[in-house]
PDB file of N, CA and C in Angstrom:
ATOM      1  N   MET A   1       0.905  -1.101   0.050  1.00  0.00           N
ATOM      2  CA  MET A   1      -0.001   0.159   0.064  1.00  0.00           C
ATOM      3  C   MET A   1       0.869   1.262   0.043  1.00  0.00           C
ATOM      4  N   ASN A   2       0.588   2.089  -0.790  1.00  0.00           N
ATOM      5  CA  ASN A   2       1.246   3.494  -0.842  1.00  0.00           C
ATOM      6  C   ASN A   2       1.103   4.113   0.540  1.00  0.00           C
ATOM      7  N   GLU A   3       2.373   4.696   0.826  1.00  0.00           N
ATOM      8  CA  GLU A   3       2.726   5.388   2.054  1.00  0.00           C
ATOM      9  C   GLU A   3       1.574   6.659   2.137  1.00  0.00           C
ATOM     10  N   ASN A   4       1.265   7.316   1.169  1.00  0.00           N
ATOM     11  CA  ASN A   4       0.235   8.423   1.082  1.00  0.00           C
ATOM     12  C   ASN A   4      -1.029   7.910   1.427  1.00  0.00           C
ATOM     13  N   ILE A   5      -1.439   6.780   0.805  1.00  0.00           N
ATOM     14  CA  ILE A   5      -2.774   6.262   1.114  1.00  0.00           C
ATOM     15  C   ILE A   5      -2.806   5.922   2.605  1.00  0.00           C
ATOM     16  N   ARG A   6      -1.767   5.238   2.996  1.00  0.00           N
ATOM     17  CA  ARG A   6      -1.724   4.992   4.533  1.00  0.00           C
ATOM     18  C   ARG A   6      -1.995   6.186   5.331  1.00  0.00           C
ATOM     19  N   MET A   7      -1.231   7.225   4.995  1.00  0.00           N
ATOM     20  CA  MET A   7      -1.324   8.505   5.831  1.00  0.00           C
ATOM     21  C   MET A   7      -2.817   9.055   5.769  1.00  0.00           C
ATOM     22  N   ILE A   8      -3.456   9.101   4.561  1.00  0.00           N
ATOM     23  CA  ILE A   8      -4.829   9.493   4.393  1.00  0.00           C
ATOM     24  C   ILE A   8      -5.782   8.852   5.168  1.00  0.00           C
ATOM     25  N   ARG A   9      -5.606   7.441   5.059  1.00  0.00           N
ATOM     26  CA  ARG A   9      -6.428   6.587   5.950  1.00  0.00           C
ATOM     27  C   ARG A   9      -6.433   6.850   7.365  1.00  0.00           C
ATOM     28  N   ASP A  10      -5.173   6.883   7.807  1.00  0.00           N
ATOM     29  CA  ASP A  10      -4.973   7.226   9.318  1.00  0.00           C
ATOM     30  C   ASP A  10      -5.537   8.475   9.782  1.00  0.00           C
ATOM     31  N   ALA A  11      -5.437   9.659   8.774  1.00  0.00           N
ATOM     32  CA  ALA A  11      -6.050  10.839   9.187  1.00  0.00           C
ATOM     33  C   ALA A  11      -7.562  10.657   9.291  1.00  0.00           C
ATOM     34  N   ARG A  12      -8.031   9.937   8.353  1.00  0.00           N
ATOM     35  CA  ARG A  12      -9.520   9.804   8.375  1.00  0.00           C
ATOM     36  C   ARG A  12      -9.948   9.076   9.607  1.00  0.00           C
ATOM     37  N   GLU A  13      -9.274   8.074  10.055  1.00  0.00           N
ATOM     38  CA  GLU A  13      -9.615   7.376  11.268  1.00  0.00           C
ATOM     39  C   GLU A  13      -9.474   8.235  12.480  1.00  0.00           C
ATOM     40  N   LEU A  14      -8.550   9.143  12.437  1.00  0.00           N
ATOM     41  CA  LEU A  14      -8.348  10.083  13.645  1.00  0.00           C
ATOM     42  C   LEU A  14      -9.535  11.258  13.478  1.00  0.00           C
ATOM     43  N   LEU A  15      -9.980  11.595  12.349  1.00  0.00           N
ATOM     44  CA  LEU A  15     -11.172  12.473  12.298  1.00  0.00           C
ATOM     45  C   LEU A  15     -12.493  11.789  12.642  1.00  0.00           C
ATOM     46  N   LYS A  16     -12.480  10.672  12.378  1.00  0.00           N
ATOM     47  CA  LYS A  16     -13.872   9.858  12.719  1.00  0.00           C
ATOM     48  C   LYS A  16     -13.890   9.729  14.212  1.00  0.00           C
ATOM     49  N   ASN A  17     -12.636   9.357  14.941  1.00  0.00           N
ATOM     50  CA  ASN A  17     -12.780   9.303  16.413  1.00  0.00           C
ATOM     51  C   ASN A  17     -12.943  10.635  17.077  1.00  0.00           C
ATOM     52  N   ALA A  18     -12.307  11.706  16.422  1.00  0.00           N
ATOM     53  CA  ALA A  18     -12.555  13.011  17.059  1.00  0.00           C
ATOM     54  C   ALA A  18     -14.095  13.308  16.649  1.00  0.00           C
ATOM     55  N   ALA A  19     -14.731  13.160  15.672  1.00  0.00           N
ATOM     56  CA  ALA A  19     -15.997  13.521  15.386  1.00  0.00           C
ATOM     57  C   ALA A  19     -16.976  12.952  16.290  1.00  0.00           C
ATOM     58  N   GLY A  20     -16.626  11.630  16.599  1.00  0.00           N
ATOM     59  CA  GLY A  20     -17.515  10.869  17.647  1.00  0.00           C
ATOM     60  C   GLY A  20     -17.457  11.679  19.088  1.00  0.00           C
ATOM     61  N   GLU A  21     -16.377  11.949  19.431  1.00  0.00           N
ATOM     62  CA  GLU A  21     -16.321  12.719  20.676  1.00  0.00           C
ATOM     63  C   GLU A  21     -16.871  14.060  20.639  1.00  0.00           C
ATOM     64  N   HIS A  22     -16.804  14.737  19.638  1.00  0.00           N
ATOM     65  CA  HIS A  22     -17.474  16.019  19.402  1.00  0.00           C
ATOM     66  C   HIS A  22     -18.966  16.014  19.284  1.00  0.00           C
ATOM     67  N   CYS A  23     -19.398  14.809  18.702  1.00  0.00           N
ATOM     68  CA  CYS A  23     -20.840  14.503  18.737  1.00  0.00           C
ATOM     69  C   CYS A  23     -21.456  14.413  20.258  1.00  0.00           C
ATOM     70  N   LYS A  24     -20.644  13.614  20.905  1.00  0.00           N
ATOM     71  CA  LYS A  24     -21.021  13.385  22.366  1.00  0.00           C
ATOM     72  C   LYS A  24     -21.086  14.883  23.097  1.00  0.00           C
ATOM     73  N   ALA A  25     -20.002  15.668  22.876  1.00  0.00           N
ATOM     74  CA  ALA A  25     -20.020  17.056  23.425  1.00  0.00           C
ATOM     75  C   ALA A  25     -21.033  17.707  23.056  1.00  0.00           C
ATOM     76  N   TYR A  26     -21.387  17.766  21.812  1.00  0.00           N
ATOM     77  CA  TYR A  26     -22.584  18.597  21.216  1.00  0.00           C
ATOM     78  C   TYR A  26     -23.922  18.045  21.976  1.00  0.00           C
ATOM     79  N   SER A  27     -24.045  16.840  22.180  1.00  0.00           N
ATOM     80  CA  SER A  27     -25.261  16.270  22.663  1.00  0.00           C
ATOM     81  C   SER A  27     -25.397  16.809  24.159  1.00  0.00           C
ATOM     82  N   GLU A  28     -24.257  16.865  24.950  1.00  0.00           N
ATOM     83  CA  GLU A  28     -24.323  17.236  26.312  1.00  0.00           C
ATOM     84  C   GLU A  28     -24.551  18.892  26.347  1.00  0.00           C
ATOM     85  N   LEU A  29     -23.928  19.584  25.440  1.00  0.00           N
ATOM     86  CA  LEU A  29     -24.141  21.056  25.373  1.00  0.00           C
ATOM     87  C   LEU A  29     -25.334  21.651  24.658  1.00  0.00           C
ATOM     88  N   ALA A  30     -26.060  20.792  23.861  1.00  0.00           N
ATOM     89  CA  ALA A  30     -27.128  21.263  23.070  1.00  0.00           C
ATOM     90  C   ALA A  30     -28.026  22.445  23.753  1.00  0.00           C
ATOM     91  N   GLY A  31     -28.129  23.435  23.170  1.00  0.00           N
ATOM     92  CA  GLY A  31     -28.844  24.489  23.754  1.00  0.00           C
ATOM     93  C   GLY A  31     -28.151  25.519  24.601  1.00  0.00           C
ATOM     94  N   GLY A  32     -26.837  25.231  24.696  1.00  0.00           N
ATOM     95  CA  GLY A  32     -26.073  25.885  25.671  1.00  0.00           C
ATOM     96  C   GLY A  32     -25.146  26.890  24.795  1.00  0.00           C
ATOM     97  N   LYS A  33     -24.297  27.745  25.447  1.00  0.00           N
ATOM     98  CA  LYS A  33     -23.428  28.765  24.690  1.00  0.00           C
ATOM     99  C   LYS A  33     -22.459  28.026  23.863  1.00  0.00           C
ATOM    100  N   CYS A  34     -21.923  26.996  24.083  1.00  0.00           N
ATOM    101  CA  CYS A  34     -20.726  26.436  23.298  1.00  0.00           C
ATOM    102  C   CYS A  34     -21.277  25.388  22.280  1.00  0.00           C
ATOM    103  N   ALA A  35     -22.575  25.177  22.188  1.00  0.00           N
ATOM    104  CA  ALA A  35     -23.048  24.131  21.240  1.00  0.00           C
ATOM    105  C   ALA A  35     -22.736  24.629  19.848  1.00  0.00           C
ATOM    106  N   ASP A  36     -22.895  25.972  19.521  1.00  0.00           N
ATOM    107  CA  ASP A  36     -22.501  26.379  18.168  1.00  0.00           C
ATOM    108  C   ASP A  36     -21.217  26.109  17.852  1.00  0.00           C
ATOM    109  N   ALA A  37     -20.240  26.344  18.733  1.00  0.00           N
ATOM    110  CA  ALA A  37     -18.890  26.295  18.416  1.00  0.00           C
ATOM    111  C   ALA A  37     -18.499  24.710  18.149  1.00  0.00           C
ATOM    112  N   VAL A  38     -19.199  23.755  18.922  1.00  0.00           N
ATOM    113  CA  VAL A  38     -18.859  22.267  18.656  1.00  0.00           C
ATOM    114  C   VAL A  38     -19.470  22.044  17.232  1.00  0.00           C
ATOM    115  N   LEU A  39     -20.608  22.606  16.974  1.00  0.00           N
ATOM    116  CA  LEU A  39     -21.171  22.194  15.588  1.00  0.00           C
ATOM    117  C   LEU A  39     -20.354  22.799  14.516  1.00  0.00           C
ATOM    118  N   SER A  40     -19.772  23.758  14.729  1.00  0.00           N
ATOM    119  CA  SER A  40     -18.789  24.499  13.685  1.00  0.00           C
ATOM    120  C   SER A  40     -17.547  23.515  13.535  1.00  0.00           C
ATOM    121  N   VAL A  41     -17.075  23.009  14.676  1.00  0.00           N
ATOM    122  CA  VAL A  41     -15.877  22.076  14.649  1.00  0.00           C
ATOM    123  C   VAL A  41     -16.367  20.765  13.782  1.00  0.00           C
ATOM    124  N   LEU A  42     -17.650  20.400  14.259  1.00  0.00           N
ATOM    125  CA  LEU A  42     -18.145  19.038  13.352  1.00  0.00           C
ATOM    126  C   LEU A  42     -18.230  19.436  11.859  1.00  0.00           C
ATOM    127  N   ASP A  43     -18.586  20.537  11.574  1.00  0.00           N
ATOM    128  CA  ASP A  43     -18.739  20.925  10.076  1.00  0.00           C
ATOM    129  C   ASP A  43     -17.394  20.928   9.462  1.00  0.00           C
ATOM    130  N   GLY A  44     -16.503  21.528  10.051  1.00  0.00           N
ATOM    131  CA  GLY A  44     -15.033  21.365   9.633  1.00  0.00           C
ATOM    132  C   GLY A  44     -14.486  20.127   9.457  1.00  0.00           C
ATOM    133  N   GLU A  45     -14.765  19.246  10.306  1.00  0.00           N
ATOM    134  CA  GLU A  45     -14.372  17.796  10.204  1.00  0.00           C
ATOM    135  C   GLU A  45     -15.014  17.118   9.079  1.00  0.00           C
ATOM    136  N   LEU A  46     -16.303  17.479   8.805  1.00  0.00           N
ATOM    137  CA  LEU A  46     -16.957  16.905   7.691  1.00  0.00           C
ATOM    138  C   LEU A  46     -16.291  17.362   6.365  1.00  0.00           C
ATOM    139  N   ARG A  47     -15.908  18.530   6.349  1.00  0.00           N
ATOM    140  CA  ARG A  47     -15.229  19.152   5.156  1.00  0.00           C
ATOM    141  C   ARG A  47     -13.819  18.614   5.003  1.00  0.00           C
ATOM    142  N   MET A  48     -13.212  18.189   5.987  1.00  0.00           N
ATOM    143  CA  MET A  48     -11.764  17.626   6.019  1.00  0.00           C
ATOM    144  C   MET A  48     -11.961  16.206   5.522  1.00  0.00           C
ATOM    145  N   THR A  49     -13.058  15.557   5.931  1.00  0.00           N
ATOM    146  CA  THR A  49     -13.146  14.144   5.539  1.00  0.00           C
ATOM    147  C   THR A  49     -13.436  14.032   4.037  1.00  0.00           C
ATOM    148  N   ASP A  50     -14.131  15.135   3.584  1.00  0.00           N
ATOM    149  CA  ASP A  50     -14.414  15.172   2.157  1.00  0.00           C
ATOM    150  C   ASP A  50     -13.202  15.417   1.243  1.00  0.00           C
ATOM    151  N   GLN A  51     -12.275  16.205   1.743  1.00  0.00           N
ATOM    152  CA  GLN A  51     -11.008  16.529   1.114  1.00  0.00           C
ATOM    153  C   GLN A  51     -10.161  15.292   1.206  1.00  0.00           C
ATOM    154  N   LEU A  52     -10.120  14.556   2.302  1.00  0.00           N
ATOM    155  CA  LEU A  52      -9.365  13.285   2.387  1.00  0.00           C
ATOM    156  C   LEU A  52      -9.826  12.292   1.353  1.00  0.00           C
ATOM    157  N   SER A  53     -11.095  12.273   1.169  1.00  0.00           N
ATOM    158  CA  SER A  53     -11.622  11.207   0.163  1.00  0.00           C
ATOM    159  C   SER A  53     -11.132  11.747  -1.202  1.00  0.00           C
ATOM    160  N   LYS A  54     -11.163  12.987  -1.500  1.00  0.00           N
ATOM    161  CA  LYS A  54     -10.622  13.296  -2.777  1.00  0.00           C
ATOM    162  C   LYS A  54      -9.179  13.121  -2.887  1.00  0.00           C
ATOM    163  N   LEU A  55      -8.336  13.150  -1.907  1.00  0.00           N
ATOM    164  CA  LEU A  55      -6.948  12.959  -1.829  1.00  0.00           C
ATOM    165  C   LEU A  55      -6.698  11.536  -2.077  1.00  0.00           C
ATOM    166  N   GLU A  56      -7.573  10.571  -1.529  1.00  0.00           N
ATOM    167  CA  GLU A  56      -7.373   9.226  -1.552  1.00  0.00           C
ATOM    168  C   GLU A  56      -7.728   8.619  -3.019  1.00  0.00           C
ATOM    169  N   ASN A  57      -8.644   9.329  -3.644  1.00  0.00           N
ATOM    170  CA  ASN A  57      -8.830   9.005  -5.081  1.00  0.00           C
ATOM    171  C   ASN A  57      -7.720   9.424  -6.010  1.00  0.00           C
ATOM    172  N   LEU A  58      -7.007  10.545  -5.508  1.00  0.00           N
ATOM    173  CA  LEU A  58      -5.949  11.029  -6.358  1.00  0.00           C
ATOM    174  C   LEU A  58      -4.731   9.979  -6.279  1.00  0.00           C
ATOM    175  N   TYR A  59      -4.472   9.388  -5.176  1.00  0.00           N
ATOM    176  CA  TYR A  59      -3.282   8.451  -4.814  1.00  0.00           C
ATOM    177  C   TYR A  59      -3.815   7.104  -4.967  1.00  0.00           C
ATOM    178  N   ALA A  60      -4.972   6.803  -5.146  1.00  0.00           N
ATOM    179  CA  ALA A  60      -5.267   5.337  -5.219  1.00  0.00           C
ATOM    180  C   ALA A  60      -4.768   4.721  -6.603  1.00  0.00           C
ATOM    181  N   PRO A  61      -4.289   3.543  -6.575  1.00  0.00           N
ATOM    182  CA  PRO A  61      -3.707   3.027  -7.858  1.00  0.00           C
ATOM    183  C   PRO A  61      -4.956   2.943  -8.974  1.00  0.00           C
ATOM    184  N   SER A  62      -4.390   3.339 -10.162  1.00  0.00           N
ATOM    185  CA  SER A  62      -5.242   3.407 -11.388  1.00  0.00           C
ATOM    186  C   SER A  62      -6.027   1.930 -11.373  1.00  0.00           C
ATOM    187  N   GLY A  63      -7.258   1.934 -11.923  1.00  0.00           N
ATOM    188  CA  GLY A  63      -7.976   0.756 -12.163  1.00  0.00           C
ATOM    189  C   GLY A  63      -8.716   0.302 -10.723  1.00  0.00           C
ATOM    190  N   THR A  64      -8.571   0.795  -9.767  1.00  0.00           N
ATOM    191  CA  THR A  64      -9.286   0.483  -8.529  1.00  0.00           C
ATOM    192  C   THR A  64     -10.285   1.519  -8.276  1.00  0.00           C
ATOM    193  N   GLN A  65     -11.527   1.165  -8.329  1.00  0.00           N
ATOM    194  CA  GLN A  65     -12.607   2.077  -8.100  1.00  0.00           C
ATOM    195  C   GLN A  65     -13.512   1.317  -7.189  1.00  0.00           C
ATOM    196  N   ARG A  66     -14.213   2.212  -6.417  1.00  0.00           N
ATOM    197  CA  ARG A  66     -15.093   1.754  -5.451  1.00  0.00           C
ATOM    198  C   ARG A  66     -16.296   1.241  -6.220  1.00  0.00           C
ATOM    199  N   PRO A  67     -17.013   0.221  -5.694  1.00  0.00           N
ATOM    200  CA  PRO A  67     -18.188  -0.264  -6.303  1.00  0.00           C
ATOM    201  C   PRO A  67     -19.456   0.706  -6.122  1.00  0.00           C
ATOM    202  N   ALA A  68     -20.349   0.679  -7.219  1.00  0.00           N
ATOM    203  CA  ALA A  68     -21.326   1.759  -7.277  1.00  0.00           C
ATOM    204  C   ALA A  68     -22.257   1.125  -6.206  1.00  0.00           C
ATOM    205  N   ASN A  69     -22.997   2.341  -5.504  1.00  0.00           N
ATOM    206  CA  ASN A  69     -23.957   2.052  -4.539  1.00  0.00           C
ATOM    207  C   ASN A  69     -25.356   1.924  -5.449  1.00  0.00           C
ATOM    208  N   GLU A  70     -26.345   1.613  -4.775  1.00  0.00           N
ATOM    209  CA  GLU A  70     -27.659   1.362  -5.287  1.00  0.00           C
ATOM    210  C   GLU A  70     -28.222   2.450  -5.978  1.00  0.00           C
ATOM    211  N   TYR A  71     -28.106   3.836  -5.561  1.00  0.00           N
ATOM    212  CA  TYR A  71     -28.498   4.920  -5.920  1.00  0.00           C
ATOM    213  C   TYR A  71     -27.858   5.259  -7.355  1.00  0.00           C
ATOM    214  N   GLU A  72     -26.569   4.995  -7.381  1.00  0.00           N
ATOM    215  CA  GLU A  72     -25.818   5.365  -8.814  1.00  0.00           C
ATOM    216  C   GLU A  72     -26.203   4.196  -9.861  1.00  0.00           C
ATOM    217  N   VAL A  73     -26.469   2.944  -9.391  1.00  0.00           N
ATOM    218  CA  VAL A  73     -26.890   1.950 -10.350  1.00  0.00           C
ATOM    219  C   VAL A  73     -28.125   2.276 -10.854  1.00  0.00           C
ATOM    220  N   ASN A  74     -29.132   2.667 -10.013  1.00  0.00           N
ATOM    221  CA  ASN A  74     -30.476   3.128 -10.556  1.00  0.00           C
ATOM    222  C   ASN A  74     -30.542   4.403 -11.361  1.00  0.00           C
ATOM    223  N   LYS A  75     -29.557   5.381 -11.005  1.00  0.00           N
ATOM    224  CA  LYS A  75     -29.472   6.531 -11.830  1.00  0.00           C
ATOM    225  C   LYS A  75     -28.888   6.196 -13.315  1.00  0.00           C
ATOM    226  N   PHE A  76     -28.078   5.224 -13.258  1.00  0.00           N
ATOM    227  CA  PHE A  76     -27.381   4.792 -14.616  1.00  0.00           C
ATOM    228  C   PHE A  76     -28.463   4.076 -15.283  1.00  0.00           C
ATOM    229  N   ILE A  77     -29.360   3.124 -14.784  1.00  0.00           N
ATOM    230  CA  ILE A  77     -30.298   2.463 -15.593  1.00  0.00           C
ATOM    231  C   ILE A  77     -31.287   3.522 -16.080  1.00  0.00           C
ATOM    232  N   MET A  78     -31.755   4.435 -15.281  1.00  0.00           N
ATOM    233  CA  MET A  78     -32.775   5.468 -15.654  1.00  0.00           C
ATOM    234  C   MET A  78     -32.267   6.221 -16.877  1.00  0.00           C
ATOM    235  N   ASN A  79     -31.003   6.578 -16.797  1.00  0.00           N
ATOM    236  CA  ASN A  79     -30.318   7.386 -17.964  1.00  0.00           C
ATOM    237  C   ASN A  79     -30.202   6.547 -19.158  1.00  0.00           C
ATOM    238  N   GLU A  80     -30.039   5.143 -19.080  1.00  0.00           N
ATOM    239  CA  GLU A  80     -29.914   4.310 -20.246  1.00  0.00           C
ATOM    240  C   GLU A  80     -31.264   4.224 -20.941  1.00  0.00           C
ATOM    241  N   GLN A  81     -32.506   4.016 -20.060  1.00  0.00           N
ATOM    242  CA  GLN A  81     -33.715   3.947 -20.420  1.00  0.00           C
ATOM    243  C   GLN A  81     -34.335   5.204 -21.323  1.00  0.00           C
ATOM    244  N   GLY A  82     -33.652   6.257 -20.907  1.00  0.00           N
ATOM    245  CA  GLY A  82     -34.079   7.457 -21.589  1.00  0.00           C
ATOM    246  C   GLY A  82     -35.187   8.115 -20.848  1.00  0.00           C
TER     247      GLY A  82
END
């Protein structure tokens, strides 16, 4: 596995763990003064995971694509049927 891919996946795992903790904090602080700040942090983490996904696609070996989900398959079928 490429070193870059490993670092990207490690970063994604760290973000996942941090987001879980921030979700717990938001639950506890909902309605309080700090809830909006925690929500802002969660939004930033979501944006970072999106960017990490794009980076992972950039460094992924060519020819390796993720399988299509049900929505993508149905969309393709509908486009083919006209």
